[in-house]
Amino acid sequence: MSKGEMWCVEMNGRWERDLGACVVVSAKDAFEAYSEARRLYPEHGERCKSGHVYPVAHIEIDWDSGRTLVKRLRVRIPIKPLTPTPIKNRTEEK
């Protein structure tokens, strides 16, 4: 595996009764993560109707029960700082 961020790939089944799969892989971007998940689990990829790929901030695994907790990484768009614009005096315009 390549070094990079942790990504979670959710693959949903064709019908509601089908169980999907959630695979956490290390990849550089979302496309590479999806390709790696399809390579590791081709049986889920072929039956996949829809899915999601998102970066992961934190993962916890409960080895006794087999459950996992995956926390998504929020990608925030930086906001440009506000710059003051000069306001024209209304009396000067008339």
PDB file of N, CA and C in Angstrom:
ATOM      1  N   MET A   1       0.827  -1.180   0.000  1.00  0.00           N
ATOM      2  CA  MET A   1       0.000   0.000   0.000  1.00  0.00           C
ATOM      3  C   MET A   1       0.872   1.244   0.000  1.00  0.00           C
ATOM      4  N   SER A   2       0.355   2.258  -0.647  1.00  0.00           N
ATOM      5  CA  SER A   2       1.109   3.507  -0.683  1.00  0.00           C
ATOM      6  C   SER A   2       0.855   4.304   0.591  1.00  0.00           C
ATOM      7  N   LYS A   3       1.815   5.144   0.914  1.00  0.00           N
ATOM      8  CA  LYS A   3       1.651   5.972   2.099  1.00  0.00           C
ATOM      9  C   LYS A   3       0.770   7.162   1.747  1.00  0.00           C
ATOM     10  N   GLY A   4      -0.084   7.520   2.679  1.00  0.00           N
ATOM     11  CA  GLY A   4      -0.970   8.649   2.447  1.00  0.00           C
ATOM     12  C   GLY A   4      -1.997   8.725   3.546  1.00  0.00           C
ATOM     13  N   GLU A   5      -3.117   9.261   3.218  1.00  0.00           N
ATOM     14  CA  GLU A   5      -4.204   9.418   4.164  1.00  0.00           C
ATOM     15  C   GLU A   5      -5.006   8.130   4.280  1.00  0.00           C
ATOM     16  N   MET A   6      -5.787   8.054   5.339  1.00  0.00           N
ATOM     17  CA  MET A   6      -6.701   6.924   5.509  1.00  0.00           C
ATOM     18  C   MET A   6      -8.037   7.290   4.864  1.00  0.00           C
ATOM     19  N   TRP A   7      -8.573   6.372   4.076  1.00  0.00           N
ATOM     20  CA  TRP A   7      -9.838   6.587   3.380  1.00  0.00           C
ATOM     21  C   TRP A   7     -10.785   5.438   3.713  1.00  0.00           C
ATOM     22  N   CYS A   8     -12.063   5.736   3.822  1.00  0.00           N
ATOM     23  CA  CYS A   8     -13.087   4.718   4.040  1.00  0.00           C
ATOM     24  C   CYS A   8     -13.904   4.591   2.760  1.00  0.00           C
ATOM     25  N   VAL A   9     -14.054   3.355   2.289  1.00  0.00           N
ATOM     26  CA  VAL A   9     -14.828   3.075   1.080  1.00  0.00           C
ATOM     27  C   VAL A   9     -16.036   2.250   1.504  1.00  0.00           C
ATOM     28  N   GLU A  10     -17.236   2.818   1.351  1.00  0.00           N
ATOM     29  CA  GLU A  10     -18.478   2.110   1.662  1.00  0.00           C
ATOM     30  C   GLU A  10     -19.075   1.605   0.360  1.00  0.00           C
ATOM     31  N   MET A  11     -19.352   0.316   0.298  1.00  0.00           N
ATOM     32  CA  MET A  11     -19.972  -0.276  -0.879  1.00  0.00           C
ATOM     33  C   MET A  11     -21.319  -0.850  -0.464  1.00  0.00           C
ATOM     34  N   ASN A  12     -22.396  -0.298  -1.014  1.00  0.00           N
ATOM     35  CA  ASN A  12     -23.750  -0.739  -0.679  1.00  0.00           C
ATOM     36  C   ASN A  12     -24.205  -1.803  -1.662  1.00  0.00           C
ATOM     37  N   GLY A  13     -25.054  -2.719  -1.169  1.00  0.00           N
ATOM     38  CA  GLY A  13     -25.552  -3.798  -2.004  1.00  0.00           C
ATOM     39  C   GLY A  13     -26.624  -3.344  -2.976  1.00  0.00           C
ATOM     40  N   ARG A  14     -27.049  -4.262  -3.832  1.00  0.00           N
ATOM     41  CA  ARG A  14     -28.060  -3.939  -4.838  1.00  0.00           C
ATOM     42  C   ARG A  14     -29.444  -3.771  -4.223  1.00  0.00           C
ATOM     43  N   TRP A  15     -29.760  -4.574  -3.218  1.00  0.00           N
ATOM     44  CA  TRP A  15     -31.067  -4.510  -2.579  1.00  0.00           C
ATOM     45  C   TRP A  15     -30.905  -4.060  -1.138  1.00  0.00           C
ATOM     46  N   GLU A  16     -32.010  -3.642  -0.528  1.00  0.00           N
ATOM     47  CA  GLU A  16     -31.955  -3.150   0.849  1.00  0.00           C
ATOM     48  C   GLU A  16     -31.549  -4.238   1.832  1.00  0.00           C
ATOM     49  N   ARG A  17     -31.906  -5.480   1.549  1.00  0.00           N
ATOM     50  CA  ARG A  17     -31.588  -6.574   2.472  1.00  0.00           C
ATOM     51  C   ARG A  17     -30.120  -7.010   2.392  1.00  0.00           C
ATOM     52  N   ASP A  18     -29.420  -6.594   1.339  1.00  0.00           N
ATOM     53  CA  ASP A  18     -28.001  -6.935   1.200  1.00  0.00           C
ATOM     54  C   ASP A  18     -27.159  -6.098   2.163  1.00  0.00           C
ATOM     55  N   LEU A  19     -26.222  -6.744   2.776  1.00  0.00           N
ATOM     56  CA  LEU A  19     -25.291  -6.023   3.626  1.00  0.00           C
ATOM     57  C   LEU A  19     -24.165  -5.464   2.771  1.00  0.00           C
ATOM     58  N   GLY A  20     -23.780  -4.257   3.057  1.00  0.00           N
ATOM     59  CA  GLY A  20     -22.681  -3.646   2.334  1.00  0.00           C
ATOM     60  C   GLY A  20     -21.367  -3.930   3.040  1.00  0.00           C
ATOM     61  N   ALA A  21     -20.324  -3.351   2.527  1.00  0.00           N
ATOM     62  CA  ALA A  21     -18.999  -3.512   3.124  1.00  0.00           C
ATOM     63  C   ALA A  21     -18.386  -2.132   3.311  1.00  0.00           C
ATOM     64  N   CYS A  22     -17.611  -2.009   4.366  1.00  0.00           N
ATOM     65  CA  CYS A  22     -16.890  -0.766   4.664  1.00  0.00           C
ATOM     66  C   CYS A  22     -15.412  -1.132   4.790  1.00  0.00           C
ATOM     67  N   VAL A  23     -14.580  -0.603   3.910  1.00  0.00           N
ATOM     68  CA  VAL A  23     -13.166  -0.937   3.864  1.00  0.00           C
ATOM     69  C   VAL A  23     -12.354   0.327   4.129  1.00  0.00           C
ATOM     70  N   VAL A  24     -11.399   0.252   5.045  1.00  0.00           N
ATOM     71  CA  VAL A  24     -10.517   1.384   5.335  1.00  0.00           C
ATOM     72  C   VAL A  24      -9.144   1.067   4.751  1.00  0.00           C
ATOM     73  N   VAL A  25      -8.669   1.943   3.873  1.00  0.00           N
ATOM     74  CA  VAL A  25      -7.388   1.735   3.205  1.00  0.00           C
ATOM     75  C   VAL A  25      -6.551   3.012   3.293  1.00  0.00           C
ATOM     76  N   SER A  26      -5.256   2.863   3.089  1.00  0.00           N
ATOM     77  CA  SER A  26      -4.343   3.993   3.022  1.00  0.00           C
ATOM     78  C   SER A  26      -4.083   4.297   1.558  1.00  0.00           C
ATOM     79  N   ALA A  27      -4.368   5.545   1.160  1.00  0.00           N
ATOM     80  CA  ALA A  27      -4.206   5.922  -0.242  1.00  0.00           C
ATOM     81  C   ALA A  27      -3.941   7.419  -0.342  1.00  0.00           C
ATOM     82  N   LYS A  28      -3.533   7.840  -1.541  1.00  0.00           N
ATOM     83  CA  LYS A  28      -3.244   9.256  -1.775  1.00  0.00           C
ATOM     84  C   LYS A  28      -4.504  10.063  -2.040  1.00  0.00           C
ATOM     85  N   ASP A  29      -5.464   9.463  -2.767  1.00  0.00           N
ATOM     86  CA  ASP A  29      -6.695  10.176  -3.089  1.00  0.00           C
ATOM     87  C   ASP A  29      -7.870   9.205  -3.117  1.00  0.00           C
ATOM     88  N   ALA A  30      -9.066   9.724  -3.376  1.00  0.00           N
ATOM     89  CA  ALA A  30     -10.285   8.921  -3.320  1.00  0.00           C
ATOM     90  C   ALA A  30     -10.313   7.840  -4.400  1.00  0.00           C
ATOM     91  N   PHE A  31      -9.845   8.160  -5.595  1.00  0.00           N
ATOM     92  CA  PHE A  31      -9.863   7.173  -6.676  1.00  0.00           C
ATOM     93  C   PHE A  31      -8.945   5.993  -6.367  1.00  0.00           C
ATOM     94  N   GLU A  32      -7.757   6.285  -5.839  1.00  0.00           N
ATOM     95  CA  GLU A  32      -6.833   5.210  -5.479  1.00  0.00           C
ATOM     96  C   GLU A  32      -7.401   4.356  -4.342  1.00  0.00           C
ATOM     97  N   ALA A  33      -8.103   4.981  -3.408  1.00  0.00           N
ATOM     98  CA  ALA A  33      -8.724   4.241  -2.311  1.00  0.00           C
ATOM     99  C   ALA A  33      -9.813   3.303  -2.836  1.00  0.00           C
ATOM    100  N   TYR A  34     -10.635   3.789  -3.758  1.00  0.00           N
ATOM    101  CA  TYR A  34     -11.685   2.953  -4.334  1.00  0.00           C
ATOM    102  C   TYR A  34     -11.089   1.792  -5.125  1.00  0.00           C
ATOM    103  N   SER A  35     -10.043   2.064  -5.889  1.00  0.00           N
ATOM    104  CA  SER A  35      -9.385   1.008  -6.673  1.00  0.00           C
ATOM    105  C   SER A  35      -8.778  -0.059  -5.757  1.00  0.00           C
ATOM    106  N   GLU A  36      -8.174   0.365  -4.640  1.00  0.00           N
ATOM    107  CA  GLU A  36      -7.572  -0.580  -3.695  1.00  0.00           C
ATOM    108  C   GLU A  36      -8.644  -1.433  -3.014  1.00  0.00           C
ATOM    109  N   ALA A  37      -9.775  -0.823  -2.669  1.00  0.00           N
ATOM    110  CA  ALA A  37     -10.869  -1.581  -2.044  1.00  0.00           C
ATOM    111  C   ALA A  37     -11.451  -2.595  -3.026  1.00  0.00           C
ATOM    112  N   ARG A  38     -11.584  -2.222  -4.291  1.00  0.00           N
ATOM    113  CA  ARG A  38     -12.082  -3.168  -5.300  1.00  0.00           C
ATOM    114  C   ARG A  38     -11.086  -4.304  -5.525  1.00  0.00           C
ATOM    115  N   ARG A  39      -9.790  -4.004  -5.425  1.00  0.00           N
ATOM    116  CA  ARG A  39      -8.773  -5.045  -5.604  1.00  0.00           C
ATOM    117  C   ARG A  39      -8.786  -6.015  -4.432  1.00  0.00           C
ATOM    118  N   LEU A  40      -8.960  -5.475  -3.201  1.00  0.00           N
ATOM    119  CA  LEU A  40      -8.961  -6.330  -2.014  1.00  0.00           C
ATOM    120  C   LEU A  40     -10.219  -7.186  -1.916  1.00  0.00           C
ATOM    121  N   TYR A  41     -11.371  -6.616  -2.252  1.00  0.00           N
ATOM    122  CA  TYR A  41     -12.659  -7.319  -2.127  1.00  0.00           C
ATOM    123  C   TYR A  41     -13.440  -7.221  -3.435  1.00  0.00           C
ATOM    124  N   PRO A  42     -13.053  -7.993  -4.451  1.00  0.00           N
ATOM    125  CA  PRO A  42     -13.753  -7.903  -5.737  1.00  0.00           C
ATOM    126  C   PRO A  42     -15.195  -8.406  -5.670  1.00  0.00           C
ATOM    127  N   GLU A  43     -15.501  -9.298  -4.732  1.00  0.00           N
ATOM    128  CA  GLU A  43     -16.876  -9.813  -4.648  1.00  0.00           C
ATOM    129  C   GLU A  43     -17.860  -8.729  -4.222  1.00  0.00           C
ATOM    130  N   HIS A  44     -17.416  -7.790  -3.388  1.00  0.00           N
ATOM    131  CA  HIS A  44     -18.299  -6.692  -3.002  1.00  0.00           C
ATOM    132  C   HIS A  44     -18.367  -5.634  -4.101  1.00  0.00           C
ATOM    133  N   GLY A  45     -17.287  -5.433  -4.794  1.00  0.00           N
ATOM    134  CA  GLY A  45     -17.251  -4.433  -5.857  1.00  0.00           C
ATOM    135  C   GLY A  45     -18.149  -4.781  -7.025  1.00  0.00           C
ATOM    136  N   GLU A  46     -18.289  -6.075  -7.339  1.00  0.00           N
ATOM    137  CA  GLU A  46     -19.134  -6.490  -8.458  1.00  0.00           C
ATOM    138  C   GLU A  46     -20.612  -6.340  -8.128  1.00  0.00           C
ATOM    139  N   ARG A  47     -20.971  -6.555  -6.854  1.00  0.00           N
ATOM    140  CA  ARG A  47     -22.374  -6.447  -6.453  1.00  0.00           C
ATOM    141  C   ARG A  47     -22.743  -5.038  -6.016  1.00  0.00           C
ATOM    142  N   CYS A  48     -21.801  -4.137  -6.054  1.00  0.00           N
ATOM    143  CA  CYS A  48     -21.998  -2.791  -5.524  1.00  0.00           C
ATOM    144  C   CYS A  48     -22.942  -1.980  -6.418  1.00  0.00           C
ATOM    145  N   LYS A  49     -23.992  -1.449  -5.804  1.00  0.00           N
ATOM    146  CA  LYS A  49     -24.920  -0.574  -6.518  1.00  0.00           C
ATOM    147  C   LYS A  49     -24.498   0.885  -6.369  1.00  0.00           C
ATOM    148  N   SER A  50     -24.126   1.252  -5.163  1.00  0.00           N
ATOM    149  CA  SER A  50     -23.664   2.611  -4.901  1.00  0.00           C
ATOM    150  C   SER A  50     -22.680   2.577  -3.743  1.00  0.00           C
ATOM    151  N   GLY A  51     -22.011   3.676  -3.537  1.00  0.00           N
ATOM    152  CA  GLY A  51     -21.049   3.724  -2.451  1.00  0.00           C
ATOM    153  C   GLY A  51     -20.518   5.122  -2.237  1.00  0.00           C
ATOM    154  N   HIS A  52     -19.716   5.256  -1.202  1.00  0.00           N
ATOM    155  CA  HIS A  52     -19.130   6.544  -0.842  1.00  0.00           C
ATOM    156  C   HIS A  52     -17.661   6.342  -0.497  1.00  0.00           C
ATOM    157  N   VAL A  53     -16.877   7.342  -0.785  1.00  0.00           N
ATOM    158  CA  VAL A  53     -15.459   7.356  -0.400  1.00  0.00           C
ATOM    159  C   VAL A  53     -15.220   8.675   0.325  1.00  0.00           C
ATOM    160  N   TYR A  54     -14.652   8.592   1.525  1.00  0.00           N
ATOM    161  CA  TYR A  54     -14.396   9.811   2.284  1.00  0.00           C
ATOM    162  C   TYR A  54     -13.154   9.641   3.145  1.00  0.00           C
ATOM    163  N   PRO A  55     -12.448  10.760   3.430  1.00  0.00           N
ATOM    164  CA  PRO A  55     -11.259  10.688   4.290  1.00  0.00           C
ATOM    165  C   PRO A  55     -11.651  10.422   5.735  1.00  0.00           C
ATOM    166  N   VAL A  56     -10.767   9.763   6.480  1.00  0.00           N
ATOM    167  CA  VAL A  56     -11.043   9.336   7.849  1.00  0.00           C
ATOM    168  C   VAL A  56     -10.175  10.129   8.819  1.00  0.00           C
ATOM    169  N   ALA A  57     -10.806  10.591   9.908  1.00  0.00           N
ATOM    170  CA  ALA A  57     -10.071  11.298  10.958  1.00  0.00           C
ATOM    171  C   ALA A  57      -9.670  10.348  12.076  1.00  0.00           C
ATOM    172  N   HIS A  58     -10.539   9.390  12.423  1.00  0.00           N
ATOM    173  CA  HIS A  58     -10.282   8.512  13.570  1.00  0.00           C
ATOM    174  C   HIS A  58     -10.988   7.175  13.355  1.00  0.00           C
ATOM    175  N   ILE A  59     -10.329   6.085  13.744  1.00  0.00           N
ATOM    176  CA  ILE A  59     -10.908   4.748  13.628  1.00  0.00           C
ATOM    177  C   ILE A  59     -10.718   4.023  14.950  1.00  0.00           C
ATOM    178  N   GLU A  60     -11.783   3.395  15.441  1.00  0.00           N
ATOM    179  CA  GLU A  60     -11.698   2.541  16.626  1.00  0.00           C
ATOM    180  C   GLU A  60     -12.269   1.180  16.267  1.00  0.00           C
ATOM    181  N   ILE A  61     -11.584   0.119  16.697  1.00  0.00           N
ATOM    182  CA  ILE A  61     -12.032  -1.246  16.429  1.00  0.00           C
ATOM    183  C   ILE A  61     -12.235  -1.953  17.757  1.00  0.00           C
ATOM    184  N   ASP A  62     -13.424  -2.511  17.948  1.00  0.00           N
ATOM    185  CA  ASP A  62     -13.710  -3.324  19.132  1.00  0.00           C
ATOM    186  C   ASP A  62     -13.500  -4.777  18.720  1.00  0.00           C
ATOM    187  N   TRP A  63     -12.376  -5.343  19.127  1.00  0.00           N
ATOM    188  CA  TRP A  63     -12.018  -6.688  18.691  1.00  0.00           C
ATOM    189  C   TRP A  63     -12.921  -7.751  19.313  1.00  0.00           C
ATOM    190  N   ASP A  64     -13.532  -7.469  20.462  1.00  0.00           N
ATOM    191  CA  ASP A  64     -14.409  -8.452  21.111  1.00  0.00           C
ATOM    192  C   ASP A  64     -15.726  -8.617  20.356  1.00  0.00           C
ATOM    193  N   SER A  65     -16.337  -7.503  19.962  1.00  0.00           N
ATOM    194  CA  SER A  65     -17.631  -7.588  19.283  1.00  0.00           C
ATOM    195  C   SER A  65     -17.508  -7.515  17.764  1.00  0.00           C
ATOM    196  N   GLY A  66     -16.366  -7.066  17.260  1.00  0.00           N
ATOM    197  CA  GLY A  66     -16.181  -6.971  15.818  1.00  0.00           C
ATOM    198  C   GLY A  66     -16.752  -5.691  15.222  1.00  0.00           C
ATOM    199  N   ARG A  67     -17.128  -4.739  16.060  1.00  0.00           N
ATOM    200  CA  ARG A  67     -17.684  -3.485  15.568  1.00  0.00           C
ATOM    201  C   ARG A  67     -16.583  -2.441  15.402  1.00  0.00           C
ATOM    202  N   THR A  68     -16.853  -1.502  14.508  1.00  0.00           N
ATOM    203  CA  THR A  68     -15.893  -0.431  14.275  1.00  0.00           C
ATOM    204  C   THR A  68     -16.600   0.918  14.360  1.00  0.00           C
ATOM    205  N   LEU A  69     -15.834   1.925  14.674  1.00  0.00           N
ATOM    206  CA  LEU A  69     -16.308   3.306  14.692  1.00  0.00           C
ATOM    207  C   LEU A  69     -15.383   4.105  13.786  1.00  0.00           C
ATOM    208  N   VAL A  70     -15.963   4.705  12.767  1.00  0.00           N
ATOM    209  CA  VAL A  70     -15.191   5.481  11.800  1.00  0.00           C
ATOM    210  C   VAL A  70     -15.682   6.924  11.856  1.00  0.00           C
ATOM    211  N   LYS A  71     -14.771   7.857  12.113  1.00  0.00           N
ATOM    212  CA  LYS A  71     -15.119   9.272  12.166  1.00  0.00           C
ATOM    213  C   LYS A  71     -14.592   9.946  10.905  1.00  0.00           C
ATOM    214  N   ARG A  72     -15.512  10.587  10.182  1.00  0.00           N
ATOM    215  CA  ARG A  72     -15.123  11.259   8.944  1.00  0.00           C
ATOM    216  C   ARG A  72     -14.285  12.493   9.220  1.00  0.00           C
ATOM    217  N   LEU A  73     -13.398  12.764   8.304  1.00  0.00           N
ATOM    218  CA  LEU A  73     -12.585  13.970   8.369  1.00  0.00           C
ATOM    219  C   LEU A  73     -13.330  15.067   7.627  1.00  0.00           C
ATOM    220  N   ARG A  74     -13.598  16.155   8.306  1.00  0.00           N
ATOM    221  CA  ARG A  74     -14.277  17.271   7.664  1.00  0.00           C
ATOM    222  C   ARG A  74     -13.266  18.075   6.864  1.00  0.00           C
ATOM    223  N   VAL A  75     -13.533  18.186   5.599  1.00  0.00           N
ATOM    224  CA  VAL A  75     -12.678  18.986   4.732  1.00  0.00           C
ATOM    225  C   VAL A  75     -13.304  20.368   4.654  1.00  0.00           C
ATOM    226  N   ARG A  76     -12.642  21.321   5.250  1.00  0.00           N
ATOM    227  CA  ARG A  76     -13.177  22.679   5.284  1.00  0.00           C
ATOM    228  C   ARG A  76     -12.475  23.545   4.237  1.00  0.00           C
ATOM    229  N   ILE A  77     -13.273  24.310   3.534  1.00  0.00           N
ATOM    230  CA  ILE A  77     -12.738  25.222   2.532  1.00  0.00           C
ATOM    231  C   ILE A  77     -12.315  26.495   3.250  1.00  0.00           C
ATOM    232  N   PRO A  78     -11.084  26.937   3.056  1.00  0.00           N
ATOM    233  CA  PRO A  78     -10.649  28.151   3.751  1.00  0.00           C
ATOM    234  C   PRO A  78     -11.421  29.373   3.267  1.00  0.00           C
ATOM    235  N   ILE A  79     -11.808  30.202   4.203  1.00  0.00           N
ATOM    236  CA  ILE A  79     -12.545  31.417   3.881  1.00  0.00           C
ATOM    237  C   ILE A  79     -11.549  32.555   3.706  1.00  0.00           C
ATOM    238  N   LYS A  80     -11.726  33.302   2.646  1.00  0.00           N
ATOM    239  CA  LYS A  80     -10.827  34.417   2.384  1.00  0.00           C
ATOM    240  C   LYS A  80     -11.085  35.513   3.421  1.00  0.00           C
ATOM    241  N   PRO A  81     -10.027  36.158   3.897  1.00  0.00           N
ATOM    242  CA  PRO A  81     -10.241  37.229   4.874  1.00  0.00           C
ATOM    243  C   PRO A  81     -10.938  38.420   4.231  1.00  0.00           C
ATOM    244  N   LEU A  82     -11.771  39.065   5.006  1.00  0.00           N
ATOM    245  CA  LEU A  82     -12.481  40.238   4.507  1.00  0.00           C
ATOM    246  C   LEU A  82     -11.540  41.430   4.483  1.00  0.00           C
ATOM    247  N   THR A  83     -11.583  42.152   3.402  1.00  0.00           N
ATOM    248  CA  THR A  83     -10.769  43.354   3.293  1.00  0.00           C
ATOM    249  C   THR A  83     -11.706  44.553   3.244  1.00  0.00           C
ATOM    250  N   PRO A  84     -11.405  45.590   3.978  1.00  0.00           N
ATOM    251  CA  PRO A  84     -12.296  46.759   3.963  1.00  0.00           C
ATOM    252  C   PRO A  84     -12.241  47.468   2.615  1.00  0.00           C
ATOM    253  N   THR A  85     -13.406  47.835   2.116  1.00  0.00           N
ATOM    254  CA  THR A  85     -13.474  48.578   0.861  1.00  0.00           C
ATOM    255  C   THR A  85     -13.836  50.021   1.192  1.00  0.00           C
ATOM    256  N   PRO A  86     -13.263  50.948   0.501  1.00  0.00           N
ATOM    257  CA  PRO A  86     -13.580  52.348   0.804  1.00  0.00           C
ATOM    258  C   PRO A  86     -15.023  52.681   0.453  1.00  0.00           C
ATOM    259  N   ILE A  87     -15.677  53.385   1.334  1.00  0.00           N
ATOM    260  CA  ILE A  87     -17.065  53.795   1.130  1.00  0.00           C
ATOM    261  C   ILE A  87     -17.058  55.261   0.713  1.00  0.00           C
ATOM    262  N   LYS A  88     -17.711  55.531  -0.379  1.00  0.00           N
ATOM    263  CA  LYS A  88     -17.772  56.905  -0.863  1.00  0.00           C
ATOM    264  C   LYS A  88     -18.751  57.694  -0.006  1.00  0.00           C
ATOM    265  N   ASN A  89     -18.412  58.932   0.214  1.00  0.00           N
ATOM    266  CA  ASN A  89     -19.289  59.805   0.974  1.00  0.00           C
ATOM    267  C   ASN A  89     -20.480  60.179   0.095  1.00  0.00           C
ATOM    268  N   ARG A  90     -21.686  60.038   0.612  1.00  0.00           N
ATOM    269  CA  ARG A  90     -22.888  60.287  -0.195  1.00  0.00           C
ATOM    270  C   ARG A  90     -23.031  61.762  -0.536  1.00  0.00           C
ATOM    271  N   THR A  91     -22.520  62.633   0.274  1.00  0.00           N
ATOM    272  CA  THR A  91     -22.651  64.052  -0.046  1.00  0.00           C
ATOM    273  C   THR A  91     -21.763  64.446  -1.201  1.00  0.00           C
ATOM    274  N   GLU A  92     -20.681  63.737  -1.418  1.00  0.00           N
ATOM    275  CA  GLU A  92     -19.782  64.048  -2.521  1.00  0.00           C
ATOM    276  C   GLU A  92     -20.347  63.633  -3.851  1.00  0.00           C
ATOM    277  N   GLU A  93     -21.238  62.620  -3.874  1.00  0.00           N
ATOM    278  CA  GLU A  93     -21.797  62.131  -5.136  1.00  0.00           C
ATOM    279  C   GLU A  93     -22.770  63.129  -5.743  1.00  0.00           C
ATOM    280  N   LYS A  94     -23.471  63.932  -4.941  1.00  0.00           N
ATOM    281  CA  LYS A  94     -24.488  64.866  -5.467  1.00  0.00           C
ATOM    282  C   LYS A  94     -23.874  66.069  -6.007  1.00  0.00           C
TER     283      LYS A  94
END
